[in-house]
Amino acid sequence: MFSTTKGENLSFNFGVPTTVAVSDPKPSSTDSTAVVTSSSSTQRAASRGLNKPTFVFPGKMESQWREVEWTEEQRTNLIETISSYKPKNHEVTQARILLLGPVGSGKSSFISSVQSVFTGRVTNRAMVGSSPTSFTKKLQSFNIHGQNGESPTRLVMCDIMGLGDGLMTGLTLHDILSVIKGHVPEGHKFTPDQPVRSETMGYVKRPGPRDRIHCVVFVVDASKLPTYAKGPGNTFQQLREHISDLGVHQVALLTHIDMICSDTAKDVSQVYKSSFIKDMMVKTGDLLGMSTSYVVPVKNYSSELDLTTSKDILLLRAVDHILQYADLHFQDDAEQYSARNIA
C-alpha cells in the first residue's frame, strides 16, 4: 500500500502485500489518500497464510553472465581502488551516496557490511533493526574508514528512514528531495506531519556541491520482490523521475540473494551463474524503470562473524559501481559549468 497527497508531500509504503480491504473501493476525487487493494483471490490466500513468495530454482548456467574474478588479489585491488578514489570535482572532497529502499531491505546492513570489509571484521556500524518499522528515523552520514585505522575513504554513505512505515511515519517526496538537494542537516529526525522547511533547525539555505547527494542507490529485497504490488513500482519510477530532474544518477542493489537461491546461499561466487537471480535482477530493473546494467546483487553480512573473500568482492564491486555513477554526476556538473561560462 502506498499513499499520495497533493504536491510533493507524497508518502511511500512499500514491501507489504496489498491485502487491505477498504469499505469504499472508489474513493472520491477529494480523497487525499489513494489505497491500493489486491484482488479478492489474493485476499483469500492471505487469510489462509498462502501469500508468501514461492521460488523456483532453475539449473545453474555453465559460465558466469557477468565476468568476476573471485580471488584475494581481486579483493585487494578493489579495496585499493576505492581507498584511492577522489571525486572528479575540485569543490568536493567526498562522494555522498544516499540509500533509499523499503523497510528491512538492507540499507543499514549494506553500510555496515562495506565498513566491515575495510575494518577486517564484521561490525554493525550503522544500527540495524529487525522490526517491521524503520529502525533508522533520522539522516545519518557514515564516512567509510580505511583499512586498519587509516584515513577515511572519500566515500560517505547516507542512511535514512525506510520507505514504507505507513501513512504517519513514512518519508515524503518533499523530504527525500530536500536531502538530495542538501538542505537537510545531519541528524534531522523525519516526521511526515512536519516536513523540512526553511524554518527547520539547521536547515541549509544555500547548499553547495559538498552538501548535496551525488548518487542515489535504491535497495530492493530480492526475497520480497514477488510480493511487491504494482504501487511500489509506480512510486519508485515517479521518485526516479524527480531525482533525475535534479541531475543525480541512480543505481540499484538487490539484497538477500541468498534467500532466493540455494546455490548462492552456499557459495556467493555462484551468483552470476544463477539464471533465477539474473531474472530477479531484470525484474528489479523493470520495477525501478532502469536497465539491468544499473542493478548489482549483494550479500550483506548479518549472522556471520567472519568475512569471506567472495562476499567482500560482491560488496566492493557494488561500491565501485556506485562511485562510477557518482563520477558521472560530477562530470555532468563540470560540463554544465563549462557551458554556462561559454554562454
C-alpha atoms as a PDB file:
ATOM      1  CA  MET A   1       0.000   0.000   0.000  1.00  0.00           C
ATOM      2  CA  PHE A   2       1.159   3.494  -0.725  1.00  0.00           C
ATOM      3  CA  SER A   3      -0.398   6.867  -0.392  1.00  0.00           C
ATOM      4  CA  THR A   4      -0.274  10.151  -2.196  1.00  0.00           C
ATOM      5  CA  THR A   5      -1.106  13.649  -1.177  1.00  0.00           C
ATOM      6  CA  LYS A   6      -1.106  16.780  -3.256  1.00  0.00           C
ATOM      7  CA  GLY A   7       2.162  18.387  -4.316  1.00  0.00           C
ATOM      8  CA  GLU A   8       5.386  16.892  -3.085  1.00  0.00           C
ATOM      9  CA  ASN A   9       4.035  15.585   0.244  1.00  0.00           C
ATOM     10  CA  LEU A  10       3.929  12.098  -1.220  1.00  0.00           C
ATOM     11  CA  SER A  11       4.487   9.375   1.361  1.00  0.00           C
ATOM     12  CA  PHE A  12       5.588   5.883   0.478  1.00  0.00           C
ATOM     13  CA  ASN A  13       4.708   2.448   1.810  1.00  0.00           C
ATOM     14  CA  PHE A  14       6.498  -0.490   0.230  1.00  0.00           C
ATOM     15  CA  GLY A  15       7.039  -4.182   0.621  1.00  0.00           C
ATOM     16  CA  VAL A  16       3.689  -5.077   2.177  1.00  0.00           C
ATOM     17  CA  PRO A  17       1.380  -7.407   0.231  1.00  0.00           C
ATOM     18  CA  THR A  18      -1.675  -5.370  -0.664  1.00  0.00           C
ATOM     19  CA  THR A  19      -4.352  -7.246   1.232  1.00  0.00           C
ATOM     20  CA  VAL A  20      -6.022  -4.264   2.868  1.00  0.00           C
ATOM     21  CA  ALA A  21      -9.781  -4.177   2.441  1.00  0.00           C
ATOM     22  CA  VAL A  22     -11.468  -0.810   2.137  1.00  0.00           C
ATOM     23  CA  SER A  23     -15.112  -0.005   2.631  1.00  0.00           C
ATOM     24  CA  ASP A  24     -15.280   2.291  -0.387  1.00  0.00           C
ATOM     25  CA  PRO A  25     -13.423   0.813  -3.381  1.00  0.00           C
ATOM     26  CA  LYS A  26     -13.968   4.007  -5.340  1.00  0.00           C
ATOM     27  CA  PRO A  27     -12.542   6.943  -3.387  1.00  0.00           C
ATOM     28  CA  SER A  28     -13.884  10.330  -4.373  1.00  0.00           C
ATOM     29  CA  SER A  29     -11.702  12.815  -6.183  1.00  0.00           C
ATOM     30  CA  THR A  30     -11.388  14.820  -2.973  1.00  0.00           C
ATOM     31  CA  ASP A  31      -9.752  11.991  -1.047  1.00  0.00           C
ATOM     32  CA  SER A  32      -6.136  12.795  -0.139  1.00  0.00           C
ATOM     33  CA  THR A  33      -5.200   9.119   0.253  1.00  0.00           C
ATOM     34  CA  ALA A  34      -5.295   6.539  -2.505  1.00  0.00           C
ATOM     35  CA  VAL A  35      -5.453   2.951  -1.280  1.00  0.00           C
ATOM     36  CA  VAL A  36      -4.412   0.065  -3.493  1.00  0.00           C
ATOM     37  CA  THR A  37      -6.104  -3.232  -2.741  1.00  0.00           C
ATOM     38  CA  SER A  38      -5.430  -6.694  -4.016  1.00  0.00           C
ATOM     39  CA  SER A  39      -7.827  -8.929  -5.804  1.00  0.00           C
ATOM     40  CA  SER A  40     -10.251 -10.981  -3.735  1.00  0.00           C
ATOM     41  CA  SER A  41      -8.339 -14.144  -4.534  1.00  0.00           C
ATOM     42  CA  THR A  42      -5.154 -12.649  -3.110  1.00  0.00           C
ATOM     43  CA  GLN A  43      -7.044 -11.591  -0.003  1.00  0.00           C
ATOM     44  CA  ARG A  44      -8.418 -15.092   0.470  1.00  0.00           C
ATOM     45  CA  ALA A  45      -4.927 -16.506   0.044  1.00  0.00           C
ATOM     46  CA  ALA A  46      -3.587 -14.021   2.569  1.00  0.00           C
ATOM     47  CA  SER A  47      -6.213 -15.063   5.104  1.00  0.00           C
ATOM     48  CA  ARG A  48      -5.014 -18.650   4.771  1.00  0.00           C
ATOM     49  CA  GLY A  49      -1.362 -17.587   5.046  1.00  0.00           C
ATOM     50  CA  LEU A  50      -0.630 -18.543   1.448  1.00  0.00           C
ATOM     51  CA  ASN A  51       0.660 -15.231   0.167  1.00  0.00           C
ATOM     52  CA  LYS A  52       4.309 -15.970   0.861  1.00  0.00           C
ATOM     53  CA  PRO A  53       6.587 -15.796  -2.194  1.00  0.00           C
ATOM     54  CA  THR A  54       7.270 -19.070  -3.903  1.00  0.00           C
ATOM     55  CA  PHE A  55      10.585 -19.511  -5.679  1.00  0.00           C
ATOM     56  CA  VAL A  56      11.575 -21.992  -8.340  1.00  0.00           C
ATOM     57  CA  PHE A  57      15.272 -22.699  -8.668  1.00  0.00           C
ATOM     58  CA  PRO A  58      16.299 -23.485 -12.239  1.00  0.00           C
ATOM     59  CA  GLY A  59      19.653 -25.070 -13.000  1.00  0.00           C
ATOM     60  CA  LYS A  60      22.929 -23.203 -12.976  1.00  0.00           C
ATOM     61  CA  MET A  61      24.464 -21.698 -16.075  1.00  0.00           C
ATOM     62  CA  GLU A  62      27.720 -23.206 -17.272  1.00  0.00           C
ATOM     63  CA  SER A  63      29.536 -19.867 -17.152  1.00  0.00           C
ATOM     64  CA  GLN A  64      29.109 -16.502 -15.460  1.00  0.00           C
ATOM     65  CA  TRP A  65      26.985 -13.981 -17.336  1.00  0.00           C
ATOM     66  CA  ARG A  66      28.997 -11.199 -15.699  1.00  0.00           C
ATOM     67  CA  GLU A  67      32.717 -11.849 -15.513  1.00  0.00           C
ATOM     68  CA  VAL A  68      34.069 -11.705 -11.969  1.00  0.00           C
ATOM     69  CA  GLU A  69      37.365 -12.937 -10.527  1.00  0.00           C
ATOM     70  CA  TRP A  70      36.757 -14.379  -7.072  1.00  0.00           C
ATOM     71  CA  THR A  71      40.331 -14.120  -5.852  1.00  0.00           C
ATOM     72  CA  GLU A  72      42.075 -12.478  -2.915  1.00  0.00           C
ATOM     73  CA  GLU A  73      44.053 -10.441  -5.442  1.00  0.00           C
ATOM     74  CA  GLN A  74      40.827  -9.052  -6.895  1.00  0.00           C
ATOM     75  CA  ARG A  75      39.594  -8.199  -3.406  1.00  0.00           C
ATOM     76  CA  THR A  76      42.826  -6.312  -2.680  1.00  0.00           C
ATOM     77  CA  ASN A  77      42.651  -4.441  -5.992  1.00  0.00           C
ATOM     78  CA  LEU A  78      39.078  -3.331  -5.327  1.00  0.00           C
ATOM     79  CA  ILE A  79      39.955  -2.107  -1.827  1.00  0.00           C
ATOM     80  CA  GLU A  80      42.885  -0.118  -3.233  1.00  0.00           C
ATOM     81  CA  THR A  81      40.697   1.354  -5.994  1.00  0.00           C
ATOM     82  CA  ILE A  82      38.034   2.511  -3.545  1.00  0.00           C
ATOM     83  CA  SER A  83      40.568   3.718  -0.961  1.00  0.00           C
ATOM     84  CA  SER A  84      42.330   5.889  -3.548  1.00  0.00           C
ATOM     85  CA  TYR A  85      39.127   7.257  -5.050  1.00  0.00           C
ATOM     86  CA  LYS A  86      38.810  11.034  -5.387  1.00  0.00           C
ATOM     87  CA  PRO A  87      35.709  12.836  -6.692  1.00  0.00           C
ATOM     88  CA  LYS A  88      36.156  14.442 -10.100  1.00  0.00           C
ATOM     89  CA  ASN A  89      35.213  17.853  -8.758  1.00  0.00           C
ATOM     90  CA  HIS A  90      37.703  20.178  -7.066  1.00  0.00           C
ATOM     91  CA  GLU A  91      34.923  21.620  -4.881  1.00  0.00           C
ATOM     92  CA  VAL A  92      34.018  18.228  -3.444  1.00  0.00           C
ATOM     93  CA  THR A  93      36.207  16.129  -1.146  1.00  0.00           C
ATOM     94  CA  GLN A  94      33.760  13.229  -0.676  1.00  0.00           C
ATOM     95  CA  ALA A  95      31.135  11.461  -2.751  1.00  0.00           C
ATOM     96  CA  ARG A  96      27.844  11.488  -0.826  1.00  0.00           C
ATOM     97  CA  ILE A  97      25.670   8.452  -1.554  1.00  0.00           C
ATOM     98  CA  LEU A  98      22.026   8.200  -0.428  1.00  0.00           C
ATOM     99  CA  LEU A  99      20.465   4.778   0.117  1.00  0.00           C
ATOM    100  CA  LEU A 100      16.697   4.521  -0.394  1.00  0.00           C
ATOM    101  CA  GLY A 101      14.522   1.450  -0.006  1.00  0.00           C
ATOM    102  CA  PRO A 102      11.647  -0.262   1.777  1.00  0.00           C
ATOM    103  CA  VAL A 103      11.907  -1.035   5.475  1.00  0.00           C
ATOM    104  CA  GLY A 104      14.119  -4.087   6.009  1.00  0.00           C
ATOM    105  CA  SER A 105      15.589  -4.047   2.511  1.00  0.00           C
ATOM    106  CA  GLY A 106      19.152  -3.918   3.854  1.00  0.00           C
ATOM    107  CA  LYS A 107      20.256  -0.279   3.603  1.00  0.00           C
ATOM    108  CA  SER A 108      21.884  -0.072   7.031  1.00  0.00           C
ATOM    109  CA  SER A 109      23.231  -3.613   6.681  1.00  0.00           C
ATOM    110  CA  PHE A 110      24.939  -2.670   3.420  1.00  0.00           C
ATOM    111  CA  ILE A 111      26.672   0.291   5.064  1.00  0.00           C
ATOM    112  CA  SER A 112      27.846  -1.886   7.958  1.00  0.00           C
ATOM    113  CA  SER A 113      28.936  -4.655   5.580  1.00  0.00           C
ATOM    114  CA  VAL A 114      31.046  -2.299   3.478  1.00  0.00           C
ATOM    115  CA  GLN A 115      32.675  -0.890   6.598  1.00  0.00           C
ATOM    116  CA  SER A 116      33.284  -4.452   7.793  1.00  0.00           C
ATOM    117  CA  VAL A 117      35.294  -5.200   4.649  1.00  0.00           C
ATOM    118  CA  PHE A 118      37.603  -2.241   5.317  1.00  0.00           C
ATOM    119  CA  THR A 119      37.790  -2.909   9.057  1.00  0.00           C
ATOM    120  CA  GLY A 120      38.698  -6.552   8.526  1.00  0.00           C
ATOM    121  CA  ARG A 121      35.984  -7.927  10.801  1.00  0.00           C
ATOM    122  CA  VAL A 122      32.196  -7.998  10.877  1.00  0.00           C
ATOM    123  CA  THR A 123      30.841  -4.904  12.576  1.00  0.00           C
ATOM    124  CA  ASN A 124      27.491  -3.136  12.778  1.00  0.00           C
ATOM    125  CA  ARG A 125      28.457   0.487  12.432  1.00  0.00           C
ATOM    126  CA  ALA A 126      25.046   1.532  11.110  1.00  0.00           C
ATOM    127  CA  MET A 127      22.474   0.370  13.654  1.00  0.00           C
ATOM    128  CA  VAL A 128      20.353  -2.414  12.179  1.00  0.00           C
ATOM    129  CA  GLY A 129      16.874  -3.331  13.373  1.00  0.00           C
ATOM    130  CA  SER A 130      14.550  -6.267  12.709  1.00  0.00           C
ATOM    131  CA  SER A 131      11.134  -4.712  13.382  1.00  0.00           C
ATOM    132  CA  PRO A 132       8.558  -4.128  10.616  1.00  0.00           C
ATOM    133  CA  THR A 133       9.025  -0.385  11.039  1.00  0.00           C
ATOM    134  CA  SER A 134      12.152   1.546  10.176  1.00  0.00           C
ATOM    135  CA  PHE A 135      14.908   1.416  12.788  1.00  0.00           C
ATOM    136  CA  THR A 136      16.525   4.466  11.219  1.00  0.00           C
ATOM    137  CA  LYS A 137      14.498   7.618  11.891  1.00  0.00           C
ATOM    138  CA  LYS A 138      16.978  10.351  11.019  1.00  0.00           C
ATOM    139  CA  LEU A 139      19.541  11.321   8.433  1.00  0.00           C
ATOM    140  CA  GLN A 140      22.868   9.716   9.285  1.00  0.00           C
ATOM    141  CA  SER A 141      26.053  10.028   7.253  1.00  0.00           C
ATOM    142  CA  PHE A 142      28.722   7.345   7.547  1.00  0.00           C
ATOM    143  CA  ASN A 143      32.231   8.081   6.355  1.00  0.00           C
ATOM    144  CA  ILE A 144      33.718   4.718   5.384  1.00  0.00           C
ATOM    145  CA  HIS A 145      37.014   4.385   7.220  1.00  0.00           C
ATOM    146  CA  GLY A 146      40.103   2.977   5.533  1.00  0.00           C
ATOM    147  CA  GLN A 147      41.856  -0.249   6.446  1.00  0.00           C
ATOM    148  CA  ASN A 148      43.490  -0.708   9.839  1.00  0.00           C
ATOM    149  CA  GLY A 149      42.625   2.759  11.105  1.00  0.00           C
ATOM    150  CA  GLU A 150      43.923   4.527   8.013  1.00  0.00           C
ATOM    151  CA  SER A 151      42.481   7.828   6.816  1.00  0.00           C
ATOM    152  CA  PRO A 152      38.804   7.688   5.846  1.00  0.00           C
ATOM    153  CA  THR A 153      37.943   7.000   2.223  1.00  0.00           C
ATOM    154  CA  ARG A 154      36.303   9.683   0.098  1.00  0.00           C
ATOM    155  CA  LEU A 155      33.032   7.773   0.329  1.00  0.00           C
ATOM    156  CA  VAL A 156      30.131   8.863   2.564  1.00  0.00           C
ATOM    157  CA  MET A 157      27.000   6.704   2.723  1.00  0.00           C
ATOM    158  CA  CYS A 158      23.837   8.409   3.929  1.00  0.00           C
ATOM    159  CA  ASP A 159      21.226   6.329   5.732  1.00  0.00           C
ATOM    160  CA  ILE A 160      17.651   7.497   6.019  1.00  0.00           C
ATOM    161  CA  MET A 161      14.260   6.307   7.220  1.00  0.00           C
ATOM    162  CA  GLY A 162      12.974   3.320   5.272  1.00  0.00           C
ATOM    163  CA  LEU A 163      10.274   3.801   2.681  1.00  0.00           C
ATOM    164  CA  GLY A 164       7.095   2.211   3.917  1.00  0.00           C
ATOM    165  CA  ASP A 165       6.461   2.879   7.577  1.00  0.00           C
ATOM    166  CA  GLY A 166       2.861   3.824   6.921  1.00  0.00           C
ATOM    167  CA  LEU A 167       0.851   6.986   6.410  1.00  0.00           C
ATOM    168  CA  MET A 168       2.012   8.679   9.605  1.00  0.00           C
ATOM    169  CA  THR A 169       5.666   7.686   9.629  1.00  0.00           C
ATOM    170  CA  GLY A 170       6.783   7.208   6.033  1.00  0.00           C
ATOM    171  CA  LEU A 171       9.124   9.538   4.173  1.00  0.00           C
ATOM    172  CA  THR A 172       7.623  12.199   1.943  1.00  0.00           C
ATOM    173  CA  LEU A 173       8.828  13.008  -1.538  1.00  0.00           C
ATOM    174  CA  HIS A 174       9.473  16.569  -0.413  1.00  0.00           C
ATOM    175  CA  ASP A 175      11.834  15.424   2.353  1.00  0.00           C
ATOM    176  CA  ILE A 176      13.681  12.983   0.089  1.00  0.00           C
ATOM    177  CA  LEU A 177      14.308  15.687  -2.496  1.00  0.00           C
ATOM    178  CA  SER A 178      15.351  18.094   0.265  1.00  0.00           C
ATOM    179  CA  VAL A 179      18.013  15.596   1.374  1.00  0.00           C
ATOM    180  CA  ILE A 180      19.282  15.189  -2.188  1.00  0.00           C
ATOM    181  CA  LYS A 181      19.444  18.948  -2.694  1.00  0.00           C
ATOM    182  CA  GLY A 182      21.494  19.279   0.504  1.00  0.00           C
ATOM    183  CA  HIS A 183      19.006  21.244   2.613  1.00  0.00           C
ATOM    184  CA  VAL A 184      18.597  18.689   5.417  1.00  0.00           C
ATOM    185  CA  PRO A 185      21.018  18.921   8.356  1.00  0.00           C
ATOM    186  CA  GLU A 186      22.819  15.880   9.710  1.00  0.00           C
ATOM    187  CA  GLY A 187      20.807  14.098  12.377  1.00  0.00           C
ATOM    188  CA  HIS A 188      17.465  15.557  11.325  1.00  0.00           C
ATOM    189  CA  LYS A 189      14.584  13.340  12.510  1.00  0.00           C
ATOM    190  CA  PHE A 190      11.844  12.897   9.934  1.00  0.00           C
ATOM    191  CA  THR A 191       8.135  13.232  10.697  1.00  0.00           C
ATOM    192  CA  PRO A 192       5.618  13.424   7.816  1.00  0.00           C
ATOM    193  CA  ASP A 193       3.456  15.997   9.587  1.00  0.00           C
ATOM    194  CA  GLN A 194       6.476  18.287   9.928  1.00  0.00           C
ATOM    195  CA  PRO A 195       8.166  18.440   6.511  1.00  0.00           C
ATOM    196  CA  VAL A 196      11.569  20.007   6.099  1.00  0.00           C
ATOM    197  CA  ARG A 197      11.229  23.774   5.718  1.00  0.00           C
ATOM    198  CA  SER A 198      13.475  26.824   5.791  1.00  0.00           C
ATOM    199  CA  GLU A 199      12.465  27.211   9.447  1.00  0.00           C
ATOM    200  CA  THR A 200      13.703  23.697  10.301  1.00  0.00           C
ATOM    201  CA  MET A 201      16.542  23.776  12.833  1.00  0.00           C
ATOM    202  CA  GLY A 202      19.859  23.517  10.998  1.00  0.00           C
ATOM    203  CA  TYR A 203      18.257  23.947   7.565  1.00  0.00           C
ATOM    204  CA  VAL A 204      20.913  24.581   4.902  1.00  0.00           C
ATOM    205  CA  LYS A 205      19.569  27.524   2.913  1.00  0.00           C
ATOM    206  CA  ARG A 206      22.280  27.652   0.267  1.00  0.00           C
ATOM    207  CA  PRO A 207      23.711  24.130  -0.088  1.00  0.00           C
ATOM    208  CA  GLY A 208      26.895  23.780  -2.054  1.00  0.00           C
ATOM    209  CA  PRO A 209      28.211  20.775  -4.018  1.00  0.00           C
ATOM    210  CA  ARG A 210      29.617  19.289  -0.798  1.00  0.00           C
ATOM    211  CA  ASP A 211      26.177  19.240   0.837  1.00  0.00           C
ATOM    212  CA  ARG A 212      24.291  17.545  -1.987  1.00  0.00           C
ATOM    213  CA  ILE A 213      23.795  13.878  -2.795  1.00  0.00           C
ATOM    214  CA  HIS A 214      25.886  12.723  -5.762  1.00  0.00           C
ATOM    215  CA  CYS A 215      24.301   9.317  -6.395  1.00  0.00           C
ATOM    216  CA  VAL A 216      21.123   7.611  -5.175  1.00  0.00           C
ATOM    217  CA  VAL A 217      21.063   3.865  -4.540  1.00  0.00           C
ATOM    218  CA  PHE A 218      17.733   2.027  -4.460  1.00  0.00           C
ATOM    219  CA  VAL A 219      17.896  -1.042  -2.217  1.00  0.00           C
ATOM    220  CA  VAL A 220      15.487  -3.875  -3.063  1.00  0.00           C
ATOM    221  CA  ASP A 221      14.976  -7.089  -1.094  1.00  0.00           C
ATOM    222  CA  ALA A 222      15.080  -9.982  -3.550  1.00  0.00           C
ATOM    223  CA  SER A 223      13.058 -12.219  -1.230  1.00  0.00           C
ATOM    224  CA  LYS A 224      10.168  -9.720  -1.187  1.00  0.00           C
ATOM    225  CA  LEU A 225      10.242  -8.649  -4.810  1.00  0.00           C
ATOM    226  CA  PRO A 226       7.466 -11.069  -5.890  1.00  0.00           C
ATOM    227  CA  THR A 227       5.150  -9.678  -3.197  1.00  0.00           C
ATOM    228  CA  TYR A 228       5.538  -6.030  -4.169  1.00  0.00           C
ATOM    229  CA  ALA A 229       2.311  -4.678  -5.562  1.00  0.00           C
ATOM    230  CA  LYS A 230       2.148  -2.505  -8.664  1.00  0.00           C
ATOM    231  CA  GLY A 231       2.022   0.550  -6.427  1.00  0.00           C
ATOM    232  CA  PRO A 232       5.678   0.430  -5.336  1.00  0.00           C
ATOM    233  CA  GLY A 233       6.839   0.095  -8.937  1.00  0.00           C
ATOM    234  CA  ASN A 234       4.864   3.162  -9.976  1.00  0.00           C
ATOM    235  CA  THR A 235       6.062   5.095  -6.944  1.00  0.00           C
ATOM    236  CA  PHE A 236       9.688   4.058  -7.450  1.00  0.00           C
ATOM    237  CA  GLN A 237       9.533   5.288 -11.036  1.00  0.00           C
ATOM    238  CA  GLN A 238       7.870   8.545 -10.000  1.00  0.00           C
ATOM    239  CA  LEU A 239      10.608   9.054  -7.433  1.00  0.00           C
ATOM    240  CA  ARG A 240      13.233   8.291 -10.073  1.00  0.00           C
ATOM    241  CA  GLU A 241      11.810  10.929 -12.380  1.00  0.00           C
ATOM    242  CA  HIS A 242      12.045  13.621  -9.707  1.00  0.00           C
ATOM    243  CA  ILE A 243      15.605  12.595  -8.796  1.00  0.00           C
ATOM    244  CA  SER A 244      16.652  12.520 -12.447  1.00  0.00           C
ATOM    245  CA  ASP A 245      15.324  16.054 -12.849  1.00  0.00           C
ATOM    246  CA  LEU A 246      17.926  17.062 -10.262  1.00  0.00           C
ATOM    247  CA  GLY A 247      20.677  15.571 -12.417  1.00  0.00           C
ATOM    248  CA  VAL A 248      21.501  12.786  -9.961  1.00  0.00           C
ATOM    249  CA  HIS A 249      22.229   9.298 -11.306  1.00  0.00           C
ATOM    250  CA  GLN A 250      20.684   6.222  -9.683  1.00  0.00           C
ATOM    251  CA  VAL A 251      21.632   2.561  -9.383  1.00  0.00           C
ATOM    252  CA  ALA A 252      20.106  -0.394  -7.542  1.00  0.00           C
ATOM    253  CA  LEU A 253      21.229  -3.068  -5.091  1.00  0.00           C
ATOM    254  CA  LEU A 254      19.454  -6.432  -4.982  1.00  0.00           C
ATOM    255  CA  THR A 255      19.884  -7.746  -1.432  1.00  0.00           C
ATOM    256  CA  HIS A 256      19.078 -11.041   0.332  1.00  0.00           C
ATOM    257  CA  ILE A 257      20.068 -13.023  -2.758  1.00  0.00           C
ATOM    258  CA  ASP A 258      20.946 -15.979  -0.520  1.00  0.00           C
ATOM    259  CA  MET A 259      17.258 -16.258   0.384  1.00  0.00           C
ATOM    260  CA  ILE A 260      16.172 -16.865  -3.201  1.00  0.00           C
ATOM    261  CA  CYS A 261      18.914 -19.154  -4.471  1.00  0.00           C
ATOM    262  CA  SER A 262      20.205 -22.161  -2.543  1.00  0.00           C
ATOM    263  CA  ASP A 263      23.413 -22.405  -4.599  1.00  0.00           C
ATOM    264  CA  THR A 264      24.271 -18.777  -3.893  1.00  0.00           C
ATOM    265  CA  ALA A 265      23.428 -19.284  -0.212  1.00  0.00           C
ATOM    266  CA  LYS A 266      26.116 -21.973  -0.109  1.00  0.00           C
ATOM    267  CA  ASP A 267      28.619 -20.090  -2.249  1.00  0.00           C
ATOM    268  CA  VAL A 268      28.173 -16.405  -3.161  1.00  0.00           C
ATOM    269  CA  SER A 269      30.589 -16.782  -6.074  1.00  0.00           C
ATOM    270  CA  GLN A 270      27.834 -18.701  -7.883  1.00  0.00           C
ATOM    271  CA  VAL A 271      25.638 -15.591  -8.074  1.00  0.00           C
ATOM    272  CA  TYR A 272      26.309 -14.883 -11.750  1.00  0.00           C
ATOM    273  CA  LYS A 273      25.673 -18.491 -12.696  1.00  0.00           C
ATOM    274  CA  SER A 274      22.145 -18.377 -11.324  1.00  0.00           C
ATOM    275  CA  SER A 275      19.560 -17.796 -14.038  1.00  0.00           C
ATOM    276  CA  PHE A 276      16.988 -17.155 -11.312  1.00  0.00           C
ATOM    277  CA  ILE A 277      18.969 -14.292  -9.769  1.00  0.00           C
ATOM    278  CA  LYS A 278      19.541 -12.905 -13.259  1.00  0.00           C
ATOM    279  CA  ASP A 279      15.779 -12.985 -13.829  1.00  0.00           C
ATOM    280  CA  MET A 280      15.193 -11.237 -10.485  1.00  0.00           C
ATOM    281  CA  MET A 281      17.690  -8.538 -11.463  1.00  0.00           C
ATOM    282  CA  VAL A 282      15.768  -7.982 -14.672  1.00  0.00           C
ATOM    283  CA  LYS A 283      12.541  -7.728 -12.664  1.00  0.00           C
ATOM    284  CA  THR A 284      14.205  -5.243 -10.312  1.00  0.00           C
ATOM    285  CA  GLY A 285      15.142  -3.122 -13.307  1.00  0.00           C
ATOM    286  CA  ASP A 286      11.557  -3.306 -14.549  1.00  0.00           C
ATOM    287  CA  LEU A 287      10.260  -2.316 -11.107  1.00  0.00           C
ATOM    288  CA  LEU A 288      12.513   0.730 -10.999  1.00  0.00           C
ATOM    289  CA  GLY A 289      12.300   1.609 -14.666  1.00  0.00           C
ATOM    290  CA  MET A 290      16.004   1.143 -15.305  1.00  0.00           C
ATOM    291  CA  SER A 291      18.248  -1.155 -17.323  1.00  0.00           C
ATOM    292  CA  THR A 292      19.597  -4.328 -15.698  1.00  0.00           C
ATOM    293  CA  SER A 293      23.090  -2.865 -16.128  1.00  0.00           C
ATOM    294  CA  TYR A 294      22.305  -0.493 -13.250  1.00  0.00           C
ATOM    295  CA  VAL A 295      21.435  -3.373 -10.905  1.00  0.00           C
ATOM    296  CA  VAL A 296      24.022  -5.253  -8.842  1.00  0.00           C
ATOM    297  CA  PRO A 297      23.430  -8.112  -6.375  1.00  0.00           C
ATOM    298  CA  VAL A 298      24.957  -8.110  -2.890  1.00  0.00           C
ATOM    299  CA  LYS A 299      25.059 -10.364   0.148  1.00  0.00           C
ATOM    300  CA  ASN A 300      25.259  -8.316   3.336  1.00  0.00           C
ATOM    301  CA  TYR A 301      26.880  -9.673   6.468  1.00  0.00           C
ATOM    302  CA  SER A 302      24.179 -10.496   9.005  1.00  0.00           C
ATOM    303  CA  SER A 303      24.603 -13.613  11.148  1.00  0.00           C
ATOM    304  CA  GLU A 304      28.232 -14.225  10.146  1.00  0.00           C
ATOM    305  CA  LEU A 305      31.166 -13.487  12.412  1.00  0.00           C
ATOM    306  CA  ASP A 306      33.897 -13.858   9.804  1.00  0.00           C
ATOM    307  CA  LEU A 307      34.499 -12.216   6.446  1.00  0.00           C
ATOM    308  CA  THR A 308      34.756 -14.229   3.239  1.00  0.00           C
ATOM    309  CA  THR A 309      36.526 -13.231   0.042  1.00  0.00           C
ATOM    310  CA  SER A 310      33.561 -13.825  -2.274  1.00  0.00           C
ATOM    311  CA  LYS A 311      31.120 -11.727  -0.202  1.00  0.00           C
ATOM    312  CA  ASP A 312      33.719  -8.977   0.118  1.00  0.00           C
ATOM    313  CA  ILE A 313      34.233  -8.898  -3.647  1.00  0.00           C
ATOM    314  CA  LEU A 314      30.499  -8.650  -4.325  1.00  0.00           C
ATOM    315  CA  LEU A 315      30.184  -5.770  -1.848  1.00  0.00           C
ATOM    316  CA  LEU A 316      33.266  -3.973  -3.156  1.00  0.00           C
ATOM    317  CA  ARG A 317      32.126  -4.323  -6.765  1.00  0.00           C
ATOM    318  CA  ALA A 318      28.836  -2.723  -5.736  1.00  0.00           C
ATOM    319  CA  VAL A 319      30.676   0.223  -4.163  1.00  0.00           C
ATOM    320  CA  ASP A 320      32.860   0.615  -7.255  1.00  0.00           C
ATOM    321  CA  HIS A 321      29.693   0.552  -9.396  1.00  0.00           C
ATOM    322  CA  ILE A 322      28.123   3.292  -7.263  1.00  0.00           C
ATOM    323  CA  LEU A 323      31.218   5.507  -7.419  1.00  0.00           C
ATOM    324  CA  GLN A 324      31.272   5.279 -11.215  1.00  0.00           C
ATOM    325  CA  TYR A 325      27.819   6.864 -11.324  1.00  0.00           C
ATOM    326  CA  ALA A 326      28.768   9.468  -8.738  1.00  0.00           C
ATOM    327  CA  ASP A 327      31.596  10.451 -11.072  1.00  0.00           C
ATOM    328  CA  LEU A 328      29.121  10.754 -13.939  1.00  0.00           C
ATOM    329  CA  HIS A 329      27.280  13.320 -11.807  1.00  0.00           C
ATOM    330  CA  PHE A 330      30.497  15.271 -11.270  1.00  0.00           C
ATOM    331  CA  GLN A 331      31.238  15.060 -14.987  1.00  0.00           C
ATOM    332  CA  ASP A 332      27.759  16.343 -15.863  1.00  0.00           C
ATOM    333  CA  ASP A 333      28.192  19.227 -13.403  1.00  0.00           C
ATOM    334  CA  ALA A 334      31.538  20.149 -14.953  1.00  0.00           C
ATOM    335  CA  GLU A 335      30.072  20.154 -18.454  1.00  0.00           C
ATOM    336  CA  GLN A 336      27.152  22.351 -17.371  1.00  0.00           C
ATOM    337  CA  TYR A 337      29.572  24.733 -15.652  1.00  0.00           C
ATOM    338  CA  SER A 338      31.683  24.980 -18.808  1.00  0.00           C
ATOM    339  CA  ALA A 339      28.591  25.569 -20.933  1.00  0.00           C
ATOM    340  CA  ARG A 340      27.463  28.426 -18.665  1.00  0.00           C
ATOM    341  CA  ASN A 341      30.892  30.074 -18.851  1.00  0.00           C
ATOM    342  CA  ILE A 342      30.951  29.817 -22.639  1.00  0.00           C
ATOM    343  CA  ALA A 343      27.488  31.342 -22.843  1.00  0.00           C
END
